[in-house]
Amino acid sequence: MKTYEEKLHELLENRTLENIEWCQSNRELDEEQTEVEVTFKYKTKTPVKN
């Protein structure tokens, strides 16, 4: 399984993807920390299944 850094790098480098949208949501955990969730939506060719 890839780390999130590896996956982000893969998405940024792949010029065949059609970017659709992205969104971010934040949830305050306490006064010092916030949990951030980022979602990317894109189109790509369907992988060939063997």
PDB file of N, CA and C in Angstrom:
ATOM      1  N   MET A   1       0.831  -1.178   0.000  1.00  0.00           N
ATOM      2  CA  MET A   1       0.000   0.000   0.000  1.00  0.00           C
ATOM      3  C   MET A   1       0.883   1.251   0.000  1.00  0.00           C
ATOM      4  N   LYS A   2       0.493   2.221  -0.781  1.00  0.00           N
ATOM      5  CA  LYS A   2       1.268   3.454  -0.890  1.00  0.00           C
ATOM      6  C   LYS A   2       0.969   4.387   0.276  1.00  0.00           C
ATOM      7  N   THR A   3       1.951   5.222   0.590  1.00  0.00           N
ATOM      8  CA  THR A   3       1.698   6.284   1.560  1.00  0.00           C
ATOM      9  C   THR A   3       0.895   7.382   0.860  1.00  0.00           C
ATOM     10  N   TYR A   4       0.316   8.276   1.627  1.00  0.00           N
ATOM     11  CA  TYR A   4      -0.443   9.344   0.986  1.00  0.00           C
ATOM     12  C   TYR A   4       0.473  10.265   0.179  1.00  0.00           C
ATOM     13  N   GLU A   5       1.733  10.411   0.594  1.00  0.00           N
ATOM     14  CA  GLU A   5       2.675  11.211  -0.181  1.00  0.00           C
ATOM     15  C   GLU A   5       2.925  10.578  -1.553  1.00  0.00           C
ATOM     16  N   GLU A   6       3.088   9.262  -1.575  1.00  0.00           N
ATOM     17  CA  GLU A   6       3.309   8.556  -2.842  1.00  0.00           C
ATOM     18  C   GLU A   6       2.092   8.685  -3.758  1.00  0.00           C
ATOM     19  N   LYS A   7       0.902   8.561  -3.185  1.00  0.00           N
ATOM     20  CA  LYS A   7      -0.315   8.670  -3.989  1.00  0.00           C
ATOM     21  C   LYS A   7      -0.484  10.080  -4.537  1.00  0.00           C
ATOM     22  N   LEU A   8      -0.231  11.093  -3.740  1.00  0.00           N
ATOM     23  CA  LEU A   8      -0.303  12.475  -4.229  1.00  0.00           C
ATOM     24  C   LEU A   8       0.683  12.710  -5.365  1.00  0.00           C
ATOM     25  N   HIS A   9       1.881  12.218  -5.199  1.00  0.00           N
ATOM     26  CA  HIS A   9       2.897  12.357  -6.241  1.00  0.00           C
ATOM     27  C   HIS A   9       2.436  11.667  -7.531  1.00  0.00           C
ATOM     28  N   GLU A  10       1.890  10.475  -7.400  1.00  0.00           N
ATOM     29  CA  GLU A  10       1.372   9.735  -8.554  1.00  0.00           C
ATOM     30  C   GLU A  10       0.283  10.534  -9.280  1.00  0.00           C
ATOM     31  N   LEU A  11      -0.643  11.104  -8.528  1.00  0.00           N
ATOM     32  CA  LEU A  11      -1.722  11.885  -9.141  1.00  0.00           C
ATOM     33  C   LEU A  11      -1.200  13.136  -9.834  1.00  0.00           C
ATOM     34  N   LEU A  12      -0.232  13.784  -9.222  1.00  0.00           N
ATOM     35  CA  LEU A  12       0.323  14.998  -9.813  1.00  0.00           C
ATOM     36  C   LEU A  12       1.121  14.714 -11.082  1.00  0.00           C
ATOM     37  N   GLU A  13       1.784  13.582 -11.132  1.00  0.00           N
ATOM     38  CA  GLU A  13       2.633  13.234 -12.273  1.00  0.00           C
ATOM     39  C   GLU A  13       1.857  12.637 -13.445  1.00  0.00           C
ATOM     40  N   ASN A  14       0.689  12.084 -13.187  1.00  0.00           N
ATOM     41  CA  ASN A  14      -0.078  11.401 -14.226  1.00  0.00           C
ATOM     42  C   ASN A  14      -0.881  12.414 -15.033  1.00  0.00           C
ATOM     43  N   ARG A  15      -0.410  12.725 -16.231  1.00  0.00           N
ATOM     44  CA  ARG A  15      -1.052  13.741 -17.081  1.00  0.00           C
ATOM     45  C   ARG A  15      -2.243  13.178 -17.861  1.00  0.00           C
ATOM     46  N   THR A  16      -2.537  11.887 -17.725  1.00  0.00           N
ATOM     47  CA  THR A  16      -3.665  11.299 -18.446  1.00  0.00           C
ATOM     48  C   THR A  16      -4.965  11.382 -17.647  1.00  0.00           C
ATOM     49  N   LEU A  17      -4.887  11.800 -16.396  1.00  0.00           N
ATOM     50  CA  LEU A  17      -6.084  11.899 -15.565  1.00  0.00           C
ATOM     51  C   LEU A  17      -6.876  13.149 -15.930  1.00  0.00           C
ATOM     52  N   GLU A  18      -8.174  13.025 -15.877  1.00  0.00           N
ATOM     53  CA  GLU A  18      -9.040  14.187 -16.073  1.00  0.00           C
ATOM     54  C   GLU A  18      -9.533  14.615 -14.694  1.00  0.00           C
ATOM     55  N   ASN A  19      -9.002  15.713 -14.214  1.00  0.00           N
ATOM     56  CA  ASN A  19      -9.393  16.203 -12.891  1.00  0.00           C
ATOM     57  C   ASN A  19     -10.813  16.740 -12.936  1.00  0.00           C
ATOM     58  N   ILE A  20     -11.595  16.342 -11.962  1.00  0.00           N
ATOM     59  CA  ILE A  20     -12.985  16.768 -11.907  1.00  0.00           C
ATOM     60  C   ILE A  20     -13.191  17.791 -10.795  1.00  0.00           C
ATOM     61  N   GLU A  21     -12.808  17.427  -9.596  1.00  0.00           N
ATOM     62  CA  GLU A  21     -12.962  18.348  -8.470  1.00  0.00           C
ATOM     63  C   GLU A  21     -12.168  17.857  -7.275  1.00  0.00           C
ATOM     64  N   TRP A  22     -12.065  18.695  -6.287  1.00  0.00           N
ATOM     65  CA  TRP A  22     -11.497  18.314  -5.010  1.00  0.00           C
ATOM     66  C   TRP A  22     -12.255  19.058  -3.930  1.00  0.00           C
ATOM     67  N   CYS A  23     -12.240  18.538  -2.735  1.00  0.00           N
ATOM     68  CA  CYS A  23     -12.891  19.207  -1.623  1.00  0.00           C
ATOM     69  C   CYS A  23     -12.096  18.957  -0.347  1.00  0.00           C
ATOM     70  N   GLN A  24     -12.321  19.833   0.606  1.00  0.00           N
ATOM     71  CA  GLN A  24     -11.622  19.745   1.883  1.00  0.00           C
ATOM     72  C   GLN A  24     -12.621  19.996   2.992  1.00  0.00           C
ATOM     73  N   SER A  25     -12.531  19.197   4.034  1.00  0.00           N
ATOM     74  CA  SER A  25     -13.344  19.427   5.225  1.00  0.00           C
ATOM     75  C   SER A  25     -12.430  19.428   6.441  1.00  0.00           C
ATOM     76  N   ASN A  26     -12.750  20.279   7.380  1.00  0.00           N
ATOM     77  CA  ASN A  26     -11.953  20.430   8.594  1.00  0.00           C
ATOM     78  C   ASN A  26     -12.826  20.146   9.810  1.00  0.00           C
ATOM     79  N   ARG A  27     -12.216  19.502  10.779  1.00  0.00           N
ATOM     80  CA  ARG A  27     -12.918  19.232  12.038  1.00  0.00           C
ATOM     81  C   ARG A  27     -11.979  19.564  13.179  1.00  0.00           C
ATOM     82  N   GLU A  28     -12.374  20.528  13.983  1.00  0.00           N
ATOM     83  CA  GLU A  28     -11.558  20.902  15.136  1.00  0.00           C
ATOM     84  C   GLU A  28     -11.628  19.805  16.184  1.00  0.00           C
ATOM     85  N   LEU A  29     -10.468  19.335  16.586  1.00  0.00           N
ATOM     86  CA  LEU A  29     -10.395  18.314  17.628  1.00  0.00           C
ATOM     87  C   LEU A  29     -10.314  18.960  19.008  1.00  0.00           C
ATOM     88  N   ASP A  30      -9.541  20.012  19.072  1.00  0.00           N
ATOM     89  CA  ASP A  30      -9.424  20.822  20.284  1.00  0.00           C
ATOM     90  C   ASP A  30      -8.866  22.173  19.854  1.00  0.00           C
ATOM     91  N   GLU A  31      -8.429  22.978  20.791  1.00  0.00           N
ATOM     92  CA  GLU A  31      -7.945  24.322  20.446  1.00  0.00           C
ATOM     93  C   GLU A  31      -6.614  24.307  19.699  1.00  0.00           C
ATOM     94  N   GLU A  32      -5.903  23.204  19.737  1.00  0.00           N
ATOM     95  CA  GLU A  32      -4.584  23.140  19.120  1.00  0.00           C
ATOM     96  C   GLU A  32      -4.525  22.266  17.875  1.00  0.00           C
ATOM     97  N   GLN A  33      -5.540  21.454  17.625  1.00  0.00           N
ATOM     98  CA  GLN A  33      -5.483  20.519  16.506  1.00  0.00           C
ATOM     99  C   GLN A  33      -6.772  20.529  15.701  1.00  0.00           C
ATOM    100  N   THR A  34      -6.577  20.396  14.387  1.00  0.00           N
ATOM    101  CA  THR A  34      -7.700  20.262  13.471  1.00  0.00           C
ATOM    102  C   THR A  34      -7.435  19.065  12.572  1.00  0.00           C
ATOM    103  N   GLU A  35      -8.432  18.252  12.373  1.00  0.00           N
ATOM    104  CA  GLU A  35      -8.339  17.118  11.464  1.00  0.00           C
ATOM    105  C   GLU A  35      -8.809  17.592  10.094  1.00  0.00           C
ATOM    106  N   VAL A  36      -8.009  17.339   9.064  1.00  0.00           N
ATOM    107  CA  VAL A  36      -8.318  17.799   7.717  1.00  0.00           C
ATOM    108  C   VAL A  36      -8.469  16.592   6.803  1.00  0.00           C
ATOM    109  N   GLU A  37      -9.544  16.569   6.043  1.00  0.00           N
ATOM    110  CA  GLU A  37      -9.776  15.516   5.056  1.00  0.00           C
ATOM    111  C   GLU A  37      -9.867  16.162   3.678  1.00  0.00           C
ATOM    112  N   VAL A  38      -9.087  15.631   2.735  1.00  0.00           N
ATOM    113  CA  VAL A  38      -9.095  16.141   1.370  1.00  0.00           C
ATOM    114  C   VAL A  38      -9.464  14.991   0.445  1.00  0.00           C
ATOM    115  N   THR A  39     -10.392  15.268  -0.465  1.00  0.00           N
ATOM    116  CA  THR A  39     -10.853  14.259  -1.413  1.00  0.00           C
ATOM    117  C   THR A  39     -10.630  14.771  -2.830  1.00  0.00           C
ATOM    118  N   PHE A  40     -10.089  13.904  -3.686  1.00  0.00           N
ATOM    119  CA  PHE A  40      -9.882  14.243  -5.090  1.00  0.00           C
ATOM    120  C   PHE A  40     -10.759  13.339  -5.936  1.00  0.00           C
ATOM    121  N   LYS A  41     -11.393  13.936  -6.938  1.00  0.00           N
ATOM    122  CA  LYS A  41     -12.191  13.141  -7.871  1.00  0.00           C
ATOM    123  C   LYS A  41     -11.598  13.358  -9.265  1.00  0.00           C
ATOM    124  N   TYR A  42     -11.377  12.235  -9.984  1.00  0.00           N
ATOM    125  CA  TYR A  42     -10.805  12.322 -11.322  1.00  0.00           C
ATOM    126  C   TYR A  42     -11.280  11.144 -12.145  1.00  0.00           C
ATOM    127  N   LYS A  43     -11.175  11.291 -13.474  1.00  0.00           N
ATOM    128  CA  LYS A  43     -11.483  10.196 -14.385  1.00  0.00           C
ATOM    129  C   LYS A  43     -10.190   9.634 -14.943  1.00  0.00           C
ATOM    130  N   THR A  44     -10.207   8.320 -15.144  1.00  0.00           N
ATOM    131  CA  THR A  44      -9.078   7.634 -15.737  1.00  0.00           C
ATOM    132  C   THR A  44      -9.593   6.431 -16.511  1.00  0.00           C
ATOM    133  N   LYS A  45      -8.748   5.875 -17.339  1.00  0.00           N
ATOM    134  CA  LYS A  45      -9.154   4.676 -18.070  1.00  0.00           C
ATOM    135  C   LYS A  45      -9.338   3.523 -17.095  1.00  0.00           C
ATOM    136  N   THR A  46     -10.313   2.687 -17.388  1.00  0.00           N
ATOM    137  CA  THR A  46     -10.562   1.510 -16.567  1.00  0.00           C
ATOM    138  C   THR A  46      -9.410   0.530 -16.748  1.00  0.00           C
ATOM    139  N   PRO A  47      -8.853   0.039 -15.652  1.00  0.00           N
ATOM    140  CA  PRO A  47      -7.749  -0.929 -15.773  1.00  0.00           C
ATOM    141  C   PRO A  47      -8.225  -2.244 -16.396  1.00  0.00           C
ATOM    142  N   VAL A  48      -7.347  -2.878 -17.103  1.00  0.00           N
ATOM    143  CA  VAL A  48      -7.658  -4.173 -17.702  1.00  0.00           C
ATOM    144  C   VAL A  48      -7.586  -5.227 -16.612  1.00  0.00           C
ATOM    145  N   LYS A  49      -8.636  -6.020 -16.506  1.00  0.00           N
ATOM    146  CA  LYS A  49      -8.671  -7.070 -15.500  1.00  0.00           C
ATOM    147  C   LYS A  49      -8.324  -8.394 -16.158  1.00  0.00           C
ATOM    148  N   ASN A  50      -7.445  -9.128 -15.526  1.00  0.00           N
ATOM    149  CA  ASN A  50      -7.021 -10.438 -16.071  1.00  0.00           C
ATOM    150  C   ASN A  50      -7.790 -11.563 -15.465  1.00  0.00           C
TER     151      ASN A  50
END
